[in-house]
C-alpha atoms as a PDB file:
ATOM      1  CA  MET A   1     -38.815 -12.606 -12.050  1.00  0.00           C
ATOM      2  CA  LYS A   2     -37.733  -9.080 -12.777  1.00  0.00           C
ATOM      3  CA  GLU A   3     -39.017  -7.192 -15.785  1.00  0.00           C
ATOM      4  CA  SER A   4     -35.491  -6.949 -17.298  1.00  0.00           C
ATOM      5  CA  GLU A   5     -35.199 -10.747 -17.073  1.00  0.00           C
ATOM      6  CA  GLU A   6     -38.528 -11.255 -18.805  1.00  0.00           C
ATOM      7  CA  ARG A   7     -37.539  -9.254 -21.837  1.00  0.00           C
ATOM      8  CA  GLU A   8     -35.577 -10.775 -24.684  1.00  0.00           C
ATOM      9  CA  ILE A   9     -31.938  -9.754 -24.917  1.00  0.00           C
ATOM     10  CA  THR A  10     -30.862  -8.641 -28.407  1.00  0.00           C
ATOM     11  CA  ILE A  11     -27.317  -8.077 -29.711  1.00  0.00           C
ATOM     12  CA  VAL A  12     -27.177  -4.593 -31.308  1.00  0.00           C
ATOM     13  CA  PRO A  13     -24.339  -2.767 -33.050  1.00  0.00           C
ATOM     14  CA  ILE A  14     -22.790  -0.098 -30.824  1.00  0.00           C
ATOM     15  CA  ASP A  15     -22.653   2.453 -33.674  1.00  0.00           C
ATOM     16  CA  GLN A  16     -26.418   2.229 -34.014  1.00  0.00           C
ATOM     17  CA  VAL A  17     -27.005   3.418 -30.450  1.00  0.00           C
ATOM     18  CA  ARG A  18     -27.397   7.163 -29.659  1.00  0.00           C
ATOM     19  CA  VAL A  19     -27.053   8.536 -26.152  1.00  0.00           C
ATOM     20  CA  LEU A  20     -29.998  10.855 -25.552  1.00  0.00           C
ATOM     21  CA  ASN A  21     -28.882  12.486 -22.323  1.00  0.00           C
ATOM     22  CA  PRO A  22     -25.044  12.160 -22.163  1.00  0.00           C
ATOM     23  CA  ARG A  23     -23.247  13.025 -18.948  1.00  0.00           C
ATOM     24  CA  ALA A  24     -19.618  13.683 -18.096  1.00  0.00           C
ATOM     25  CA  ARG A  25     -18.022  10.654 -16.521  1.00  0.00           C
ATOM     26  CA  ASP A  26     -15.507  10.329 -13.671  1.00  0.00           C
ATOM     27  CA  GLN A  27     -12.440   8.897 -15.350  1.00  0.00           C
ATOM     28  CA  HIS A  28     -11.386   6.900 -12.381  1.00  0.00           C
ATOM     29  CA  ARG A  29     -14.825   5.262 -12.083  1.00  0.00           C
ATOM     30  CA  HIS A  30     -14.961   4.720 -15.885  1.00  0.00           C
ATOM     31  CA  LYS A  31     -11.628   2.817 -15.797  1.00  0.00           C
ATOM     32  CA  GLN A  32     -12.986   0.650 -12.996  1.00  0.00           C
ATOM     33  CA  ILE A  33     -16.079  -0.218 -15.114  1.00  0.00           C
ATOM     34  CA  VAL A  34     -13.927  -1.057 -18.156  1.00  0.00           C
ATOM     35  CA  ALA A  35     -11.581  -3.264 -16.110  1.00  0.00           C
ATOM     36  CA  ASN A  36     -14.524  -5.012 -14.436  1.00  0.00           C
ATOM     37  CA  ILE A  37     -16.289  -5.781 -17.727  1.00  0.00           C
ATOM     38  CA  ALA A  38     -13.027  -6.940 -19.326  1.00  0.00           C
ATOM     39  CA  GLN A  39     -12.522  -9.378 -16.463  1.00  0.00           C
ATOM     40  CA  VAL A  40     -15.959 -10.733 -15.657  1.00  0.00           C
ATOM     41  CA  GLY A  41     -18.036  -9.688 -18.697  1.00  0.00           C
ATOM     42  CA  LEU A  42     -21.240  -7.623 -18.912  1.00  0.00           C
ATOM     43  CA  LYS A  43     -23.533  -8.627 -16.059  1.00  0.00           C
ATOM     44  CA  LYS A  44     -26.443  -6.389 -17.062  1.00  0.00           C
ATOM     45  CA  PRO A  45     -27.364  -5.492 -20.631  1.00  0.00           C
ATOM     46  CA  ILE A  46     -28.073  -1.904 -21.653  1.00  0.00           C
ATOM     47  CA  THR A  47     -31.637  -0.767 -22.411  1.00  0.00           C
ATOM     48  CA  VAL A  48     -32.507   0.856 -25.720  1.00  0.00           C
ATOM     49  CA  SER A  49     -35.570   1.966 -27.589  1.00  0.00           C
ATOM     50  CA  PRO A  50     -36.102   1.788 -31.402  1.00  0.00           C
ATOM     51  CA  ALA A  51     -35.765   5.201 -33.073  1.00  0.00           C
ATOM     52  CA  LYS A  52     -37.746   6.259 -36.166  1.00  0.00           C
ATOM     53  CA  ARG A  53     -34.621   7.402 -37.971  1.00  0.00           C
ATOM     54  CA  ARG A  54     -32.636   4.963 -40.052  1.00  0.00           C
ATOM     55  CA  LYS A  55     -29.025   5.105 -41.182  1.00  0.00           C
ATOM     56  CA  GLU A  56     -28.123   3.366 -44.449  1.00  0.00           C
ATOM     57  CA  GLY A  57     -31.211   1.261 -44.065  1.00  0.00           C
ATOM     58  CA  ALA A  58     -30.129  -0.098 -40.643  1.00  0.00           C
ATOM     59  CA  PRO A  59     -32.327   0.353 -37.570  1.00  0.00           C
ATOM     60  CA  GLN A  60     -31.239   2.912 -34.996  1.00  0.00           C
ATOM     61  CA  TYR A  61     -31.730   2.951 -31.195  1.00  0.00           C
ATOM     62  CA  ASP A  62     -31.834   5.525 -28.432  1.00  0.00           C
ATOM     63  CA  LEU A  63     -30.077   4.630 -25.198  1.00  0.00           C
ATOM     64  CA  VAL A  64     -32.397   4.513 -22.196  1.00  0.00           C
ATOM     65  CA  CYS A  65     -30.086   3.050 -19.541  1.00  0.00           C
ATOM     66  CA  GLY A  66     -26.437   2.015 -19.470  1.00  0.00           C
ATOM     67  CA  GLN A  67     -24.177   4.810 -20.800  1.00  0.00           C
ATOM     68  CA  GLY A  68     -21.271   3.604 -18.621  1.00  0.00           C
ATOM     69  CA  ARG A  69     -21.582   0.053 -19.922  1.00  0.00           C
ATOM     70  CA  LEU A  70     -21.889   1.223 -23.481  1.00  0.00           C
ATOM     71  CA  GLU A  71     -18.801   3.452 -23.260  1.00  0.00           C
ATOM     72  CA  ALA A  72     -16.879   0.595 -21.558  1.00  0.00           C
ATOM     73  CA  TYR A  73     -17.686  -1.696 -24.458  1.00  0.00           C
ATOM     74  CA  GLN A  74     -16.553   1.011 -26.852  1.00  0.00           C
ATOM     75  CA  ALA A  75     -13.271   1.371 -24.861  1.00  0.00           C
ATOM     76  CA  LEU A  76     -12.708  -2.357 -25.161  1.00  0.00           C
ATOM     77  CA  GLY A  77     -13.072  -2.182 -28.927  1.00  0.00           C
ATOM     78  CA  GLU A  78     -16.307  -4.155 -29.094  1.00  0.00           C
ATOM     79  CA  ALA A  79     -18.698  -3.626 -32.047  1.00  0.00           C
ATOM     80  CA  LEU A  80     -21.745  -5.346 -30.547  1.00  0.00           C
ATOM     81  CA  ILE A  81     -23.441  -5.163 -27.164  1.00  0.00           C
ATOM     82  CA  PRO A  82     -26.268  -7.116 -25.501  1.00  0.00           C
ATOM     83  CA  ALA A  83     -29.353  -4.930 -25.108  1.00  0.00           C
ATOM     84  CA  ILE A  84     -32.971  -5.078 -23.959  1.00  0.00           C
ATOM     85  CA  VAL A  85     -35.165  -3.362 -26.546  1.00  0.00           C
ATOM     86  CA  MET A  86     -38.102  -1.382 -25.116  1.00  0.00           C
ATOM     87  CA  ASP A  87     -40.548   0.436 -27.312  1.00  0.00           C
ATOM     88  CA  VAL A  88     -41.349   3.620 -25.333  1.00  0.00           C
ATOM     89  CA  PRO A  89     -42.211   7.147 -26.364  1.00  0.00           C
ATOM     90  CA  LYS A  90     -39.349   9.652 -26.822  1.00  0.00           C
ATOM     91  CA  GLU A  91     -40.480  11.752 -23.852  1.00  0.00           C
ATOM     92  CA  GLU A  92     -40.385   8.724 -21.587  1.00  0.00           C
ATOM     93  CA  ARG A  93     -36.945   7.699 -22.919  1.00  0.00           C
ATOM     94  CA  LEU A  94     -35.579  11.099 -21.942  1.00  0.00           C
ATOM     95  CA  LEU A  95     -37.201  10.895 -18.531  1.00  0.00           C
ATOM     96  CA  MET A  96     -35.879   7.396 -17.816  1.00  0.00           C
ATOM     97  CA  SER A  97     -32.410   8.441 -18.937  1.00  0.00           C
ATOM     98  CA  LEU A  98     -32.509  11.491 -16.647  1.00  0.00           C
ATOM     99  CA  VAL A  99     -33.665   9.417 -13.707  1.00  0.00           C
ATOM    100  CA  GLU A 100     -30.841   6.969 -14.231  1.00  0.00           C
ATOM    101  CA  ASN A 101     -28.315   9.795 -14.354  1.00  0.00           C
ATOM    102  CA  MET A 102     -29.624  11.176 -11.039  1.00  0.00           C
ATOM    103  CA  ALA A 103     -29.601   7.706  -9.477  1.00  0.00           C
ATOM    104  CA  ARG A 104     -26.001   7.149 -10.635  1.00  0.00           C
ATOM    105  CA  ARG A 105     -24.863  10.315  -8.898  1.00  0.00           C
ATOM    106  CA  LEU A 106     -26.323   9.432  -5.529  1.00  0.00           C
ATOM    107  CA  PRO A 107     -23.985   6.600  -4.485  1.00  0.00           C
ATOM    108  CA  THR A 108     -20.673   7.813  -3.093  1.00  0.00           C
ATOM    109  CA  SER A 109     -17.328   6.157  -2.664  1.00  0.00           C
ATOM    110  CA  ILE A 110     -18.208   5.619   1.006  1.00  0.00           C
ATOM    111  CA  GLU A 111     -21.311   3.614   0.023  1.00  0.00           C
ATOM    112  CA  MET A 112     -19.177   1.571  -2.345  1.00  0.00           C
ATOM    113  CA  VAL A 113     -16.778   0.797   0.453  1.00  0.00           C
ATOM    114  CA  LYS A 114     -19.759  -0.121   2.725  1.00  0.00           C
ATOM    115  CA  ASP A 115     -20.741  -2.713   0.102  1.00  0.00           C
ATOM    116  CA  ILE A 116     -17.215  -4.091   0.006  1.00  0.00           C
ATOM    117  CA  VAL A 117     -17.112  -4.303   3.813  1.00  0.00           C
ATOM    118  CA  ALA A 118     -20.468  -6.091   3.748  1.00  0.00           C
ATOM    119  CA  MET A 119     -19.059  -8.629   1.292  1.00  0.00           C
ATOM    120  CA  LYS A 120     -16.127  -9.086   3.567  1.00  0.00           C
ATOM    121  CA  GLU A 121     -18.441  -9.681   6.553  1.00  0.00           C
ATOM    122  CA  ARG A 122     -20.476 -12.182   4.560  1.00  0.00           C
ATOM    123  CA  GLY A 123     -17.310 -14.282   4.194  1.00  0.00           C
ATOM    124  CA  ASP A 124     -15.858 -13.231   0.844  1.00  0.00           C
ATOM    125  CA  THR A 125     -12.102 -13.124   0.803  1.00  0.00           C
ATOM    126  CA  THR A 126     -10.188 -10.066  -0.376  1.00  0.00           C
ATOM    127  CA  VAL A 127      -9.180 -11.895  -3.561  1.00  0.00           C
ATOM    128  CA  GLU A 128     -12.802 -12.829  -4.311  1.00  0.00           C
ATOM    129  CA  ILE A 129     -13.966  -9.256  -3.701  1.00  0.00           C
ATOM    130  CA  ALA A 130     -11.204  -7.936  -5.956  1.00  0.00           C
ATOM    131  CA  ARG A 131     -12.255 -10.287  -8.729  1.00  0.00           C
ATOM    132  CA  LYS A 132     -15.916  -9.372  -8.445  1.00  0.00           C
ATOM    133  CA  THR A 133     -15.315  -5.644  -8.336  1.00  0.00           C
ATOM    134  CA  GLY A 134     -12.420  -5.337 -10.813  1.00  0.00           C
ATOM    135  CA  LEU A 135     -10.161  -3.835  -8.178  1.00  0.00           C
ATOM    136  CA  SER A 136      -6.780  -5.080  -6.950  1.00  0.00           C
ATOM    137  CA  ASP A 137      -6.705  -7.102  -3.753  1.00  0.00           C
ATOM    138  CA  LYS A 138      -4.358  -4.538  -2.121  1.00  0.00           C
ATOM    139  CA  TYR A 139      -6.773  -1.750  -3.025  1.00  0.00           C
ATOM    140  CA  VAL A 140      -9.687  -3.617  -1.551  1.00  0.00           C
ATOM    141  CA  SER A 141      -7.758  -4.402   1.614  1.00  0.00           C
ATOM    142  CA  GLY A 142      -6.744  -0.732   1.971  1.00  0.00           C
ATOM    143  CA  LEU A 143     -10.315   0.487   1.546  1.00  0.00           C
ATOM    144  CA  VAL A 144     -11.623  -1.875   4.173  1.00  0.00           C
ATOM    145  CA  ASN A 145      -8.945  -0.904   6.682  1.00  0.00           C
ATOM    146  CA  LEU A 146      -9.485   2.812   6.142  1.00  0.00           C
ATOM    147  CA  TYR A 147     -13.269   2.408   6.567  1.00  0.00           C
ATOM    148  CA  ARG A 148     -12.930   0.421   9.760  1.00  0.00           C
ATOM    149  CA  GLN A 149     -10.664   3.093  11.175  1.00  0.00           C
ATOM    150  CA  GLY A 150     -13.262   5.752  10.390  1.00  0.00           C
ATOM    151  CA  GLU A 151     -11.029   7.486   7.845  1.00  0.00           C
ATOM    152  CA  LEU A 152     -13.833   8.848   5.679  1.00  0.00           C
ATOM    153  CA  ARG A 153     -11.847  11.991   4.697  1.00  0.00           C
ATOM    154  CA  LEU A 154      -8.955   9.857   3.442  1.00  0.00           C
ATOM    155  CA  LEU A 155     -11.313   7.464   1.627  1.00  0.00           C
ATOM    156  CA  ASN A 156     -12.915  10.369  -0.182  1.00  0.00           C
ATOM    157  CA  ALA A 157      -9.520  11.679  -1.248  1.00  0.00           C
ATOM    158  CA  VAL A 158      -8.531   8.209  -2.527  1.00  0.00           C
ATOM    159  CA  GLU A 159     -11.723   7.831  -4.525  1.00  0.00           C
ATOM    160  CA  LYS A 160     -11.218  11.274  -6.146  1.00  0.00           C
ATOM    161  CA  GLY A 161      -7.620  10.388  -7.014  1.00  0.00           C
ATOM    162  CA  ARG A 162      -6.152  13.057  -4.795  1.00  0.00           C
ATOM    163  CA  VAL A 163      -3.791  10.685  -2.994  1.00  0.00           C
ATOM    164  CA  PRO A 164      -2.779   7.038  -3.634  1.00  0.00           C
ATOM    165  CA  ILE A 165      -4.328   4.351  -1.440  1.00  0.00           C
ATOM    166  CA  THR A 166      -0.845   3.480  -0.072  1.00  0.00           C
ATOM    167  CA  VAL A 167      -0.261   7.065   1.106  1.00  0.00           C
ATOM    168  CA  ALA A 168      -3.710   7.201   2.717  1.00  0.00           C
ATOM    169  CA  ILE A 169      -2.873   4.034   4.680  1.00  0.00           C
ATOM    170  CA  MET A 170       0.451   5.491   5.765  1.00  0.00           C
ATOM    171  CA  ILE A 171      -1.257   8.672   7.008  1.00  0.00           C
ATOM    172  CA  ALA A 172      -3.937   6.623   8.860  1.00  0.00           C
ATOM    173  CA  GLY A 173      -1.329   4.529  10.550  1.00  0.00           C
ATOM    174  CA  ALA A 174       0.774   7.452  11.752  1.00  0.00           C
ATOM    175  CA  GLU A 175       0.191   9.927  14.580  1.00  0.00           C
ATOM    176  CA  GLY A 176       1.552  13.403  15.342  1.00  0.00           C
ATOM    177  CA  ALA A 177       5.003  13.954  13.847  1.00  0.00           C
ATOM    178  CA  GLY A 178       4.784  10.523  12.285  1.00  0.00           C
ATOM    179  CA  VAL A 179       2.343  11.818   9.702  1.00  0.00           C
ATOM    180  CA  GLN A 180       4.895  14.306   8.369  1.00  0.00           C
ATOM    181  CA  HIS A 181       7.507  11.506   8.275  1.00  0.00           C
ATOM    182  CA  ALA A 182       5.012   9.412   6.297  1.00  0.00           C
ATOM    183  CA  LEU A 183       4.604  12.208   3.768  1.00  0.00           C
ATOM    184  CA  THR A 184       8.374  12.641   3.529  1.00  0.00           C
ATOM    185  CA  ASP A 185       8.827   8.948   2.892  1.00  0.00           C
ATOM    186  CA  ALA A 186       6.075   8.991   0.217  1.00  0.00           C
ATOM    187  CA  TYR A 187       7.837  11.920  -1.483  1.00  0.00           C
ATOM    188  CA  GLU A 188      11.257  10.294  -1.402  1.00  0.00           C
ATOM    189  CA  ASN A 189      10.036   6.987  -2.823  1.00  0.00           C
ATOM    190  CA  GLY A 190       8.096   8.771  -5.624  1.00  0.00           C
ATOM    191  CA  GLN A 191       4.583   8.136  -4.412  1.00  0.00           C
ATOM    192  CA  LEU A 192       3.923  11.850  -4.126  1.00  0.00           C
ATOM    193  CA  LYS A 193       5.302  14.359  -6.579  1.00  0.00           C
ATOM    194  CA  GLY A 194       4.867  18.058  -7.195  1.00  0.00           C
ATOM    195  CA  LYS A 195       1.318  19.264  -6.554  1.00  0.00           C
ATOM    196  CA  ALA A 196       0.304  15.864  -5.159  1.00  0.00           C
ATOM    197  CA  MET A 197       2.586  16.557  -2.174  1.00  0.00           C
ATOM    198  CA  LEU A 198       0.921  19.917  -1.522  1.00  0.00           C
ATOM    199  CA  VAL A 199      -2.583  18.277  -1.822  1.00  0.00           C
ATOM    200  CA  ALA A 200      -1.542  15.609   0.660  1.00  0.00           C
ATOM    201  CA  ARG A 201      -0.253  18.190   3.136  1.00  0.00           C
ATOM    202  CA  LYS A 202      -3.503  20.147   2.896  1.00  0.00           C
ATOM    203  CA  LEU A 203      -5.471  16.918   3.456  1.00  0.00           C
ATOM    204  CA  VAL A 204      -3.421  16.130   6.553  1.00  0.00           C
ATOM    205  CA  GLU A 205      -4.092  19.626   7.941  1.00  0.00           C
ATOM    206  CA  GLN A 206      -7.821  19.233   7.321  1.00  0.00           C
ATOM    207  CA  ARG A 207      -7.781  15.825   8.976  1.00  0.00           C
ATOM    208  CA  GLU A 208      -5.909  17.179  11.995  1.00  0.00           C
ATOM    209  CA  HIS A 209      -8.207  20.191  12.367  1.00  0.00           C
ATOM    210  CA  PHE A 210     -11.661  18.735  11.441  1.00  0.00           C
ATOM    211  CA  GLY A 211     -11.137  15.075  12.196  1.00  0.00           C
ATOM    212  CA  LYS A 212     -11.380  11.897  10.140  1.00  0.00           C
ATOM    213  CA  GLY A 213     -14.975  12.413   8.988  1.00  0.00           C
ATOM    214  CA  LEU A 214     -16.180  14.554   6.104  1.00  0.00           C
ATOM    215  CA  GLY A 215     -17.847  17.274   8.251  1.00  0.00           C
ATOM    216  CA  ARG A 216     -16.332  20.674   8.808  1.00  0.00           C
ATOM    217  CA  ARG A 217     -16.473  20.412  12.593  1.00  0.00           C
ATOM    218  CA  GLY A 218     -14.209  17.756  13.920  1.00  0.00           C
ATOM    219  CA  PRO A 219     -12.946  16.957  17.460  1.00  0.00           C
ATOM    220  CA  ARG A 220     -10.401  19.744  17.234  1.00  0.00           C
ATOM    221  CA  ALA A 221     -12.759  22.431  15.925  1.00  0.00           C
ATOM    222  CA  ARG A 222     -12.758  25.295  18.485  1.00  0.00           C
ATOM    223  CA  ARG A 223     -15.675  27.354  19.634  1.00  0.00           C
ATOM    224  CA  THR A 224     -15.273  31.076  20.002  1.00  0.00           C
ATOM    225  CA  ASN A 225     -14.459  32.059  23.612  1.00  0.00           C
ATOM    226  CA  SER A 226     -12.816  34.914  25.474  1.00  0.00           C
ATOM    227  CA  ASP A 227      -9.321  33.394  25.184  1.00  0.00           C
ATOM    228  CA  SER A 228      -9.624  32.974  21.372  1.00  0.00           C
ATOM    229  CA  LEU A 229     -10.881  36.567  21.071  1.00  0.00           C
ATOM    230  CA  VAL A 230      -7.957  37.870  23.086  1.00  0.00           C
ATOM    231  CA  ARG A 231      -5.524  35.913  20.903  1.00  0.00           C
ATOM    232  CA  THR A 232      -7.170  37.240  17.751  1.00  0.00           C
ATOM    233  CA  TYR A 233      -6.963  40.783  19.097  1.00  0.00           C
ATOM    234  CA  GLN A 234      -3.292  40.355  19.966  1.00  0.00           C
ATOM    235  CA  ARG A 235      -2.486  39.047  16.508  1.00  0.00           C
ATOM    236  CA  GLU A 236      -4.245  41.990  14.943  1.00  0.00           C
ATOM    237  CA  VAL A 237      -2.387  44.465  17.138  1.00  0.00           C
ATOM    238  CA  THR A 238       0.944  42.875  16.165  1.00  0.00           C
ATOM    239  CA  ARG A 239      -0.029  43.056  12.486  1.00  0.00           C
ATOM    240  CA  GLN A 240      -0.959  46.725  12.779  1.00  0.00           C
ATOM    241  CA  LYS A 241       2.294  47.572  14.599  1.00  0.00           C
ATOM    242  CA  LEU A 242       4.252  45.856  11.840  1.00  0.00           C
ATOM    243  CA  PHE A 243       2.309  47.820   9.253  1.00  0.00           C
ATOM    244  CA  VAL A 244       3.102  51.140  11.033  1.00  0.00           C
ATOM    245  CA  LYS A 245       6.776  50.214  11.296  1.00  0.00           C
ATOM    246  CA  LYS A 246       6.977  49.513   7.511  1.00  0.00           C
ATOM    247  CA  ALA A 247       5.189  52.788   6.799  1.00  0.00           C
ATOM    248  CA  ARG A 248       7.737  54.768   8.881  1.00  0.00           C
ATOM    249  CA  ILE A 249      10.622  53.020   7.089  1.00  0.00           C
ATOM    250  CA  CYS A 250       9.082  53.960   3.727  1.00  0.00           C
ATOM    251  CA  GLU A 251       8.620  57.550   4.905  1.00  0.00           C
ATOM    252  CA  THR A 252      12.291  57.822   5.999  1.00  0.00           C
ATOM    253  CA  ARG A 253      13.501  56.446   2.665  1.00  0.00           C
ATOM    254  CA  LEU A 254      11.245  58.839   0.721  1.00  0.00           C
ATOM    255  CA  THR A 255      12.543  61.831   2.754  1.00  0.00           C
ATOM    256  CA  PHE A 256      16.125  60.792   2.078  1.00  0.00           C
ATOM    257  CA  VAL A 257      15.466  60.480  -1.678  1.00  0.00           C
ATOM    258  CA  THR A 258      13.612  63.756  -1.819  1.00  0.00           C
ATOM    259  CA  THR A 259      16.454  65.615  -0.007  1.00  0.00           C
ATOM    260  CA  ALA A 260      19.064  64.110  -2.263  1.00  0.00           C
ATOM    261  CA  LEU A 261      17.136  65.071  -5.437  1.00  0.00           C
ATOM    262  CA  GLN A 262      16.623  68.598  -4.135  1.00  0.00           C
ATOM    263  CA  ARG A 263      20.333  69.068  -3.698  1.00  0.00           C
ATOM    264  CA  LEU A 264      21.081  67.568  -7.116  1.00  0.00           C
ATOM    265  CA  PHE A 265      18.652  69.908  -8.842  1.00  0.00           C
ATOM    266  CA  GLN A 266      20.481  72.833  -7.215  1.00  0.00           C
ATOM    267  CA  ASP A 267      23.604  71.756  -9.128  1.00  0.00           C
ATOM    268  CA  GLU A 268      23.667  73.560 -12.520  1.00  0.00           C
ATOM    269  CA  ASN A 269      25.937  70.934 -14.098  1.00  0.00           C
ATOM    270  CA  PHE A 270      23.488  68.137 -13.111  1.00  0.00           C
ATOM    271  CA  VAL A 271      20.514  70.104 -14.545  1.00  0.00           C
ATOM    272  CA  THR A 272      22.424  70.784 -17.764  1.00  0.00           C
ATOM    273  CA  LEU A 273      23.190  67.064 -18.085  1.00  0.00           C
ATOM    274  CA  LEU A 274      19.553  66.134 -17.620  1.00  0.00           C
ATOM    275  CA  GLN A 275      18.496  68.635 -20.300  1.00  0.00           C
ATOM    276  CA  ALA A 276      21.078  67.237 -22.695  1.00  0.00           C
ATOM    277  CA  GLU A 277      19.685  63.743 -22.168  1.00  0.00           C
ATOM    278  CA  GLU A 278      16.097  65.033 -22.455  1.00  0.00           C
ATOM    279  CA  LEU A 279      15.395  64.025 -18.875  1.00  0.00           C
ATOM    280  CA  ALA A 280      14.649  67.438 -17.443  1.00  0.00           C
ATOM    281  CA  LYS A 281      10.941  66.727 -16.884  1.00  0.00           C
ATOM    282  CA  VAL A 282       9.884  64.893 -13.772  1.00  0.00           C
ATOM    283  CA  PRO A 283       6.472  63.580 -12.680  1.00  0.00           C
ATOM    284  CA  LYS A 284       4.108  66.239 -11.315  1.00  0.00           C
ATOM    285  CA  ASN A 285       3.886  64.680  -7.816  1.00  0.00           C
ATOM    286  CA  LEU A 286       7.631  64.407  -7.542  1.00  0.00           C
ATOM    287  CA  ALA A 287       8.103  67.980  -8.780  1.00  0.00           C
ATOM    288  CA  ALA A 288       5.627  69.179  -6.106  1.00  0.00           C
ATOM    289  CA  GLN A 289       7.578  67.352  -3.476  1.00  0.00           C
ATOM    290  CA  LEU A 290      10.953  68.753  -4.631  1.00  0.00           C
ATOM    291  CA  SER A 291       9.587  72.328  -4.694  1.00  0.00           C
ATOM    292  CA  GLN A 292       8.773  72.166  -0.990  1.00  0.00           C
ATOM    293  CA  GLU A 293      11.295  73.802   1.359  1.00  0.00           C
ATOM    294  CA  ASP A 294      13.655  71.640   3.377  1.00  0.00           C
END
């Protein structure tokens, strides 16, 4: 029997529990925890340790493990939560809390999908998996299909909330120009709006260039060779020629303006008008240019 099962479970008031080492939570993951607890209940109690402080005569506790479960109970409006009470020194409480935080960060969305795929292979139906995980059956089915197609980049984007699962499935099922048509359809039916459309396009470009995996070198990543160097050189030459052309156009326009102003300043009536409007002074650089001979 596990140690947690040997200890007595106590019901403690949530407002008497203090989180020693709080961490920022991923909102998407937090919503999943809340939905799962609301549907199937709390499978594992939190772990707390008695604190020396007291509030209004009531005992207080420091949280050792279970911040996500505690916050989920709070989100559900619960006042009490099942807990295992462990009397450990404060230093050890902080250490155990830190270790749990580090352990919680290690699993990735891909590992979660692997667990779902394993459940599927053990014979669980999509509906059963959805009930156990607190996810929708369509979401579970989409995750499994994306994983089996090797679409790790799309899975990562779905888990982070960058694209909807339905759009990821459309992208995975399309090839070539069909991918752009899929994005257009998603935009027209309201699945992608505003910045989400730009994010999806960037994701498609990364997938096309680096592949379906999460690495930076995919099947289309190119190694530097003589041809690529020549193409880079040609592009740079073209860019430099365009820059020179723009510079010559600017020089021609500046010469035209300078000549026109020189002729205007030779007109006494024009100079008198400028003086009357208190516009006789011109910038030093422009005055130097105008003073030069034609």
